[in-house]
């Protein structure tokens, strides 16, 4: 494992600047780095020891991927969002999304739906039969097939419905209920602060805010100042999400918003190291681990082996195609490598390609190490 020394000027000095002004909002960030060695966030009766969480992502956060992220320090992992209607209809495909391993705790199962009765029934079923640590309510998904059913971010257009759904679920289960929202449906209806207050009053135990609207999708920068405003307005933990691409970005979000935790989504794809890197920066480490090229390929191969525990090889080959871009992006010929992997017809062929890439990565590392040694020797 290679290591690099983090340039302290690359991100704001998180805990040494006292108060910082962000859009007229004063954020207290005066705690010392050492305090994060003893960090503990409570969501209801659940203790969370690492404030860096894995976001629920449709098509990505299956059990295999969650296990990798958990090993590298994700404080909480979440399932892909699950349809409440699918659960109560007994859909086998839907129930497959609910399964997880013991080592994934603490884990949240995220539900979406539009019917308060169905949402409550689904939450009760999930608590009784799967025993997650958290039920999370999805009021943020902007995917067309979800919002056309008046679920996900579409619920933000009807805050009375948002309240009814949340009350019904909170009253239906014993475990903590949390929620994830966007800024609003569109820029003409920014309702996040009002929705946050409603949700807190219904009894949720934590709130995640992605500060874009549903109409924005990912086309505009996330407005982190909205996270800061909501954090100052609520007593429950507030989790920030959006535009975190590196561990340094996560640090900046903590500093700029005062949030209790950050939730990392797309940046974790093919990069479970980001959870460990962020935690190292939070605790004041002068060095941050970063994977070598061979280690990135070794992780991809391990990811495949984990997926094989749940799916036949043909399915695994399909699942992994969306991960290859991330696993090989640091290689000098990443585009060519990715095309070879995506065009592979069998998992056996894919593994053979990855093993050859692993050897190629070793050669690059050896060359760089030799060059570094020669340059260092030439200075003396």
Protein backbone atom coordinates (compact mmCIF):
# COMPACT_ATOMS: atom_id res chain seq x y z
CA UNK A 1 0.00 0.00 0.00
CA UNK A 2 1.46 3.35 -1.02
CA UNK A 3 0.99 6.37 1.18
CA UNK A 4 1.14 10.07 0.47
CA UNK A 5 1.53 13.06 2.75
CA UNK A 6 -1.56 15.25 2.62
CA UNK A 7 -0.86 18.88 1.81
CA UNK A 8 -2.52 20.71 4.69
CA UNK A 9 -3.31 23.60 2.33
CA UNK A 10 -5.31 21.31 0.04
CA UNK A 11 -8.39 21.60 2.25
CA UNK A 12 -9.52 24.00 4.99
CA UNK A 13 -8.17 23.52 8.50
CA UNK A 14 -11.26 21.77 9.72
CA UNK A 15 -11.19 22.32 13.43
CA UNK A 16 -8.79 25.19 13.96
CA UNK A 17 -10.60 28.16 12.50
CA UNK A 18 -13.29 28.80 15.12
CA UNK A 19 -16.38 30.09 13.35
CA UNK A 20 -16.70 30.33 9.59
CA UNK A 21 -19.23 32.37 7.64
CA UNK A 22 -21.10 30.65 4.83
CA UNK A 23 -23.79 32.65 3.10
CA UNK A 24 -24.50 34.59 6.29
CA UNK A 25 -24.62 31.41 8.43
CA UNK A 26 -22.16 31.08 11.31
CA UNK A 27 -20.85 27.52 11.65
CA UNK A 28 -18.95 26.42 14.74
CA UNK A 29 -15.98 24.28 13.67
CA UNK A 30 -13.67 24.84 16.61
CA UNK A 31 -13.23 21.30 17.92
CA UNK A 32 -9.76 19.79 17.80
CA UNK A 33 -8.84 16.90 15.47
CA UNK A 34 -8.18 14.70 18.49
CA UNK A 35 -11.87 14.92 19.42
CA UNK A 36 -12.75 12.81 16.39
CA UNK A 37 -10.81 9.92 17.89
CA UNK A 38 -13.75 9.69 20.31
CA UNK A 39 -16.51 10.59 17.86
CA UNK A 40 -19.87 9.04 18.57
CA UNK A 41 -23.15 9.94 16.89
CA UNK A 42 -26.40 8.51 18.17
CA UNK A 43 -29.33 7.81 15.89
CA UNK A 44 -32.00 6.91 18.37
CA UNK A 45 -30.37 4.17 20.43
CA UNK A 46 -27.84 3.31 17.70
CA UNK A 47 -24.22 4.32 18.29
CA UNK A 48 -22.31 5.28 15.12
CA UNK A 49 -18.55 5.36 15.55
CA UNK A 50 -17.54 6.73 12.12
CA UNK A 51 -19.33 9.78 10.65
CA UNK A 52 -18.67 8.71 7.05
CA UNK A 53 -21.60 6.75 5.60
CA UNK A 54 -22.30 4.89 2.37
CA UNK A 55 -25.27 6.28 0.43
CA UNK A 56 -27.97 3.97 -0.92
CA UNK A 57 -27.51 3.71 -4.70
CA UNK A 58 -29.77 1.78 -7.02
CA UNK A 59 -27.83 -0.82 -8.97
CA UNK A 60 -24.69 -0.43 -6.87
CA UNK A 61 -25.11 -0.93 -3.12
CA UNK A 62 -25.74 -4.66 -3.08
CA UNK A 63 -24.36 -6.82 -0.28
CA UNK A 64 -20.98 -7.46 -1.92
CA UNK A 65 -20.26 -3.77 -2.44
CA UNK A 66 -21.54 -2.86 1.03
CA UNK A 67 -19.21 -5.40 2.61
CA UNK A 68 -16.20 -3.84 0.90
CA UNK A 69 -17.17 -0.36 2.06
CA UNK A 70 -17.81 -1.58 5.59
CA UNK A 71 -14.35 -3.18 5.73
CA UNK A 72 -12.81 0.20 4.89
CA UNK A 73 -14.70 1.98 7.63
CA UNK A 74 -18.14 3.08 6.41
CA UNK A 75 -20.01 3.98 9.59
CA UNK A 76 -23.40 2.90 8.20
CA UNK A 77 -24.23 1.21 4.92
CA UNK A 78 -27.61 1.24 3.19
CA UNK A 79 -29.41 -1.10 0.83
CA UNK A 80 -30.57 0.01 -2.58
CA UNK A 81 -33.94 1.71 -2.20
CA UNK A 82 -36.74 -0.84 -1.94
CA UNK A 83 -40.38 -0.51 -3.02
CA UNK A 84 -42.86 -0.75 -0.16
CA UNK A 85 -45.46 -2.10 -2.59
CA UNK A 86 -43.05 -4.81 -3.75
CA UNK A 87 -42.44 -5.87 -0.16
CA UNK A 88 -46.08 -6.28 0.77
CA UNK A 89 -46.85 -8.07 -2.53
CA UNK A 90 -44.13 -10.60 -1.70
CA UNK A 91 -42.02 -9.88 -4.79
CA UNK A 92 -38.97 -12.16 -4.68
CA UNK A 93 -36.86 -9.65 -6.59
CA UNK A 94 -37.74 -6.97 -4.04
CA UNK A 95 -37.02 -9.28 -1.11
CA UNK A 96 -33.58 -10.03 -2.56
CA UNK A 97 -32.68 -6.38 -2.03
CA UNK A 98 -33.40 -6.74 1.69
CA UNK A 99 -30.86 -9.45 2.51
CA UNK A 100 -27.60 -8.58 4.21
CA UNK A 101 -24.79 -10.24 6.16
CA UNK A 102 -24.04 -9.92 9.87
CA UNK A 103 -20.82 -8.00 9.20
CA UNK A 104 -22.76 -5.22 7.46
CA UNK A 105 -24.21 -3.87 10.72
CA UNK A 106 -25.08 -1.13 11.33
CA UNK A 107 -27.20 -1.12 8.19
CA UNK A 108 -30.21 0.82 7.03
CA UNK A 109 -32.91 -0.45 4.69
CA UNK A 110 -34.29 2.39 2.59
CA UNK A 111 -37.94 2.29 1.58
CA UNK A 112 -39.83 4.33 -0.98
CA UNK A 113 -43.54 4.63 -1.65
CA UNK A 114 -46.50 6.97 -1.70
CA UNK A 115 -49.09 5.17 0.46
CA UNK A 116 -48.76 5.70 4.23
CA UNK A 117 -50.49 2.39 5.02
CA UNK A 118 -48.29 0.39 2.64
CA UNK A 119 -45.14 2.11 3.90
CA UNK A 120 -46.01 1.27 7.50
CA UNK A 121 -46.82 -2.35 6.64
CA UNK A 122 -43.60 -2.73 4.70
CA UNK A 123 -41.56 -1.20 7.53
CA UNK A 124 -43.11 -3.60 10.07
CA UNK A 125 -42.35 -6.56 7.81
CA UNK A 126 -38.74 -5.46 7.28
CA UNK A 127 -38.16 -4.93 11.00
CA UNK A 128 -39.62 -8.32 11.93
CA UNK A 129 -38.07 -10.47 9.22
CA UNK A 130 -34.76 -8.76 8.37
CA UNK A 131 -33.87 -6.82 11.53
CA UNK A 132 -31.91 -3.87 10.15
CA UNK A 133 -30.64 -1.15 12.47
CA UNK A 134 -32.49 1.67 10.69
CA UNK A 135 -35.48 2.21 8.41
CA UNK A 136 -34.66 5.08 6.06
CA UNK A 137 -37.37 6.85 4.06
CA UNK A 138 -36.54 7.92 0.53
CA UNK A 139 -37.92 11.36 -0.23
CA UNK A 140 -35.05 12.25 -2.55
CA UNK A 141 -34.96 9.90 -5.53
CA UNK A 142 -35.57 11.74 -8.80
CA UNK A 143 -35.59 8.68 -11.08
CA UNK A 144 -38.49 8.94 -13.50
CA UNK A 145 -40.09 5.57 -12.75
CA UNK A 146 -40.16 6.45 -9.02
CA UNK A 147 -41.50 10.01 -9.23
CA UNK A 148 -44.17 8.96 -11.75
CA UNK A 149 -45.61 6.89 -8.90
CA UNK A 150 -45.62 10.00 -6.69
CA UNK A 151 -42.83 8.49 -4.58
CA UNK A 152 -39.26 9.56 -3.85
CA UNK A 153 -38.66 13.27 -4.42
CA UNK A 154 -42.22 13.68 -5.73
CA UNK A 155 -43.43 13.51 -2.12
CA UNK A 156 -41.74 16.90 -1.58
CA UNK A 157 -44.55 18.40 -3.67
CA UNK A 158 -47.03 17.38 -0.96
CA UNK A 159 -45.67 17.99 2.54
CA UNK A 160 -48.92 16.77 4.11
CA UNK A 161 -48.32 13.39 2.46
CA UNK A 162 -44.66 13.45 3.59
CA UNK A 163 -45.87 13.94 7.16
CA UNK A 164 -48.50 11.20 6.90
CA UNK A 165 -46.04 8.67 5.51
CA UNK A 166 -43.43 9.43 8.14
CA UNK A 167 -45.83 9.35 11.09
CA UNK A 168 -47.22 6.00 9.94
CA UNK A 169 -43.77 4.44 9.68
CA UNK A 170 -42.44 5.89 12.94
CA UNK A 171 -45.46 4.51 14.77
CA UNK A 172 -45.16 1.11 13.07
CA UNK A 173 -41.62 0.14 14.14
CA UNK A 174 -39.38 0.13 17.20
CA UNK A 175 -36.05 0.79 15.45
CA UNK A 176 -34.94 4.31 14.49
CA UNK A 177 -36.52 5.86 11.42
CA UNK A 178 -34.51 8.34 9.35
CA UNK A 179 -35.18 10.16 6.09
CA UNK A 180 -33.34 11.49 3.07
CA UNK A 181 -34.59 14.54 1.18
CA UNK A 182 -33.56 16.90 -1.61
CA UNK A 183 -33.80 20.68 -1.55
CA UNK A 184 -37.21 20.50 -3.20
CA UNK A 185 -38.96 19.46 -6.37
CA UNK A 186 -37.54 22.32 -8.44
CA UNK A 187 -35.95 25.72 -7.89
CA UNK A 188 -39.34 27.35 -7.58
CA UNK A 189 -40.21 25.11 -4.62
CA UNK A 190 -37.27 24.88 -2.22
CA UNK A 191 -38.97 23.23 0.76
CA UNK A 192 -36.10 21.42 2.48
CA UNK A 193 -36.13 23.51 5.66
CA UNK A 194 -39.89 23.21 6.09
CA UNK A 195 -39.75 19.50 5.29
CA UNK A 196 -36.88 19.00 7.75
CA UNK A 197 -38.84 20.57 10.59
CA UNK A 198 -41.91 18.49 9.76
CA UNK A 199 -39.82 15.32 9.70
CA UNK A 200 -38.15 16.09 13.02
CA UNK A 201 -41.55 16.69 14.61
CA UNK A 202 -42.83 13.33 13.36
CA UNK A 203 -40.09 11.55 15.33
CA UNK A 204 -37.38 10.68 12.82
CA UNK A 205 -33.97 10.25 14.45
CA UNK A 206 -31.69 11.70 11.73
CA UNK A 207 -32.01 13.50 8.41
CA UNK A 208 -29.87 13.31 5.27
CA UNK A 209 -30.04 16.28 2.92
CA UNK A 210 -28.88 16.30 -0.70
CA UNK A 211 -29.03 20.02 -1.49
CA UNK A 212 -30.10 19.84 -5.11
CA UNK A 213 -33.67 19.79 -6.39
CA UNK A 214 -35.16 16.80 -8.15
CA UNK A 215 -35.23 18.81 -11.39
CA UNK A 216 -31.52 19.63 -11.03
CA UNK A 217 -30.56 15.95 -11.09
CA UNK A 218 -26.74 16.32 -11.00
CA UNK A 219 -26.52 19.22 -13.45
CA UNK A 220 -25.85 21.96 -10.90
CA UNK A 221 -23.53 22.18 -7.89
CA UNK A 222 -24.94 21.05 -4.57
CA UNK A 223 -25.74 24.04 -2.35
CA UNK A 224 -23.98 23.09 0.85
CA UNK A 225 -25.19 26.25 2.60
CA UNK A 226 -28.62 24.61 2.74
CA UNK A 227 -27.14 21.75 4.78
CA UNK A 228 -25.69 24.31 7.19
CA UNK A 229 -29.03 26.10 7.53
CA UNK A 230 -30.87 22.85 8.26
CA UNK A 231 -28.20 21.73 10.73
CA UNK A 232 -28.68 24.93 12.72
CA UNK A 233 -32.45 24.44 12.72
CA UNK A 234 -32.68 20.84 13.97
CA UNK A 235 -31.79 19.00 17.18
CA UNK A 236 -31.45 15.60 15.49
CA UNK A 237 -28.29 14.58 13.59
CA UNK A 238 -28.00 16.06 10.10
CA UNK A 239 -26.09 14.13 7.44
CA UNK A 240 -24.70 15.98 4.42
CA UNK A 241 -24.64 14.49 0.92
CA UNK A 242 -23.75 15.76 -2.54
CA UNK A 243 -20.61 16.68 -4.50
CA UNK A 244 -18.21 14.66 -2.34
CA UNK A 245 -15.67 13.31 -4.81
CA UNK A 246 -12.64 12.91 -2.53
CA UNK A 247 -11.83 12.57 1.16
CA UNK A 248 -10.80 16.24 1.15
CA UNK A 249 -14.27 17.15 -0.14
CA UNK A 250 -15.79 15.32 2.82
CA UNK A 251 -13.61 17.37 5.16
CA UNK A 252 -14.75 20.57 3.46
CA UNK A 253 -18.39 19.57 3.91
CA UNK A 254 -17.89 19.05 7.63
CA UNK A 255 -16.21 22.43 7.90
CA UNK A 256 -18.61 24.41 5.76
CA UNK A 257 -21.87 22.98 7.10
CA UNK A 258 -21.25 21.74 10.64
CA UNK A 259 -23.08 18.52 9.73
CA UNK A 260 -22.89 15.53 12.05
CA UNK A 261 -21.91 13.06 9.34
CA UNK A 262 -21.35 12.87 5.59
CA UNK A 263 -22.85 10.38 3.17
CA UNK A 264 -20.73 9.34 0.18
CA UNK A 265 -22.32 7.92 -2.96
CA UNK A 266 -20.78 7.92 -6.43
CA UNK A 267 -17.25 8.62 -5.18
CA UNK A 268 -17.26 5.26 -3.36
CA UNK A 269 -17.92 3.26 -6.54
CA UNK A 270 -14.77 1.24 -7.14
CA UNK A 271 -13.16 3.23 -4.34
CA UNK A 272 -13.95 1.85 -0.88
CA UNK A 273 -10.69 3.40 0.33
CA UNK A 274 -12.44 6.79 0.52
CA UNK A 275 -14.01 5.86 3.88
CA UNK A 276 -10.64 5.10 5.46
CA UNK A 277 -9.04 8.16 3.87
CA UNK A 278 -11.73 10.47 5.22
CA UNK A 279 -11.48 9.03 8.70
CA UNK A 280 -7.69 9.43 8.64
CA UNK A 281 -8.03 13.10 7.73
CA UNK A 282 -10.68 13.63 10.39
CA UNK A 283 -8.40 12.24 13.08
CA UNK A 284 -5.49 14.46 12.03
CA UNK A 285 -3.35 11.82 10.34
CA UNK A 286 -0.44 13.28 8.36
CA UNK A 287 -0.53 10.40 5.91
CA UNK A 288 -3.47 8.99 4.01
CA UNK A 289 -3.52 5.53 2.49
CA UNK A 290 -4.05 5.31 -1.24
CA UNK A 291 -4.11 2.12 -3.32
CA UNK A 292 -1.46 1.20 -5.86
CA UNK A 293 -2.58 0.18 -9.36
CA UNK A 294 -2.24 -3.55 -8.60
CA UNK A 295 -4.21 -3.08 -5.38
CA UNK A 296 -7.05 -1.47 -7.30
CA UNK A 297 -7.26 -4.49 -9.62
CA UNK A 298 -6.96 -6.88 -6.68
CA UNK A 299 -9.95 -5.12 -5.12
CA UNK A 300 -11.90 -5.51 -8.35
CA UNK A 301 -11.15 -9.24 -8.36
CA UNK A 302 -12.21 -9.50 -4.74
CA UNK A 303 -15.42 -7.66 -5.56
CA UNK A 304 -16.11 -10.26 -8.24
CA UNK A 305 -15.54 -13.12 -5.79
CA UNK A 306 -18.00 -11.57 -3.34
CA UNK A 307 -20.64 -11.15 -6.05
CA UNK A 308 -20.18 -14.84 -6.97
CA UNK A 309 -21.51 -15.74 -3.54
CA UNK A 310 -24.91 -14.35 -4.57
CA UNK A 311 -25.20 -14.63 -8.34
CA UNK A 312 -24.23 -16.97 -11.21
CA UNK A 313 -21.17 -15.98 -13.26
CA UNK A 314 -23.18 -14.58 -16.15
CA UNK A 315 -25.05 -12.21 -13.83
CA UNK A 316 -21.84 -11.21 -12.05
CA UNK A 317 -20.28 -10.31 -15.40
CA UNK A 318 -23.22 -7.98 -16.05
CA UNK A 319 -23.20 -6.44 -12.56
CA UNK A 320 -19.50 -5.63 -12.64
CA UNK A 321 -19.53 -3.76 -15.97
CA UNK A 322 -20.67 -0.54 -14.31
CA UNK A 323 -17.76 -0.72 -11.83
CA UNK A 324 -14.85 -1.13 -14.26
CA UNK A 325 -14.49 2.55 -15.14
CA UNK A 326 -13.78 3.33 -11.49
CA UNK A 327 -11.44 0.43 -10.83
CA UNK A 328 -9.16 1.17 -13.82
CA UNK A 329 -9.41 4.98 -14.07
CA UNK A 330 -5.87 5.54 -12.77
CA UNK A 331 -4.25 3.41 -15.48
CA UNK A 332 -2.61 5.29 -18.39
CA UNK A 333 -4.79 3.49 -20.96
CA UNK A 334 -7.94 3.31 -18.84
CA UNK A 335 -10.42 3.74 -21.71
CA UNK A 336 -8.95 0.84 -23.69
CA UNK A 337 -8.86 -1.40 -20.63
CA UNK A 338 -12.47 -0.61 -19.75
CA UNK A 339 -13.65 -1.39 -23.28
CA UNK A 340 -11.90 -4.77 -23.15
CA UNK A 341 -13.60 -5.58 -19.85
CA UNK A 342 -17.05 -4.42 -20.94
CA UNK A 343 -16.86 -6.45 -24.16
CA UNK A 344 -15.80 -9.63 -22.33
CA UNK A 345 -18.39 -12.36 -22.96
CA UNK A 346 -17.68 -14.56 -19.94
CA UNK A 347 -16.61 -13.96 -16.37
CA UNK A 348 -13.64 -16.29 -16.89
CA UNK A 349 -12.41 -14.07 -19.74
CA UNK A 350 -12.96 -10.98 -17.58
CA UNK A 351 -10.89 -12.42 -14.75
CA UNK A 352 -8.09 -13.33 -17.19
CA UNK A 353 -8.06 -9.75 -18.50
CA UNK A 354 -7.96 -8.36 -14.97
CA UNK A 355 -5.05 -10.61 -14.03
CA UNK A 356 -3.09 -9.38 -17.05
CA UNK A 357 -3.90 -5.78 -16.06
CA UNK A 358 -2.70 -6.56 -12.53
CA UNK A 359 0.69 -7.60 -13.94
CA UNK A 360 0.74 -4.45 -16.08
CA UNK A 361 0.09 -2.38 -12.95
CA UNK A 362 2.99 -4.08 -11.18
CA UNK A 363 5.29 -3.15 -14.06
CA UNK A 364 4.17 0.49 -13.88
CA UNK A 365 4.75 0.54 -10.12
CA UNK A 366 8.21 -1.02 -10.49
CA UNK A 367 9.13 1.54 -13.16
CA UNK A 368 7.96 4.45 -11.01
CA UNK A 369 9.78 3.13 -7.95
CA UNK A 370 12.98 2.70 -9.97
CA UNK A 371 12.65 6.21 -11.41
CA UNK A 372 12.10 7.66 -7.95
CA UNK A 373 15.14 5.86 -6.59
CA UNK A 374 17.30 7.06 -9.50
CA UNK A 375 16.14 10.66 -9.12
CA UNK A 376 16.76 10.58 -5.39
CA UNK A 377 20.22 9.05 -5.92
CA UNK A 378 21.08 11.74 -8.46
CA UNK A 379 20.49 14.48 -5.91
CA UNK A 380 23.38 13.38 -3.76
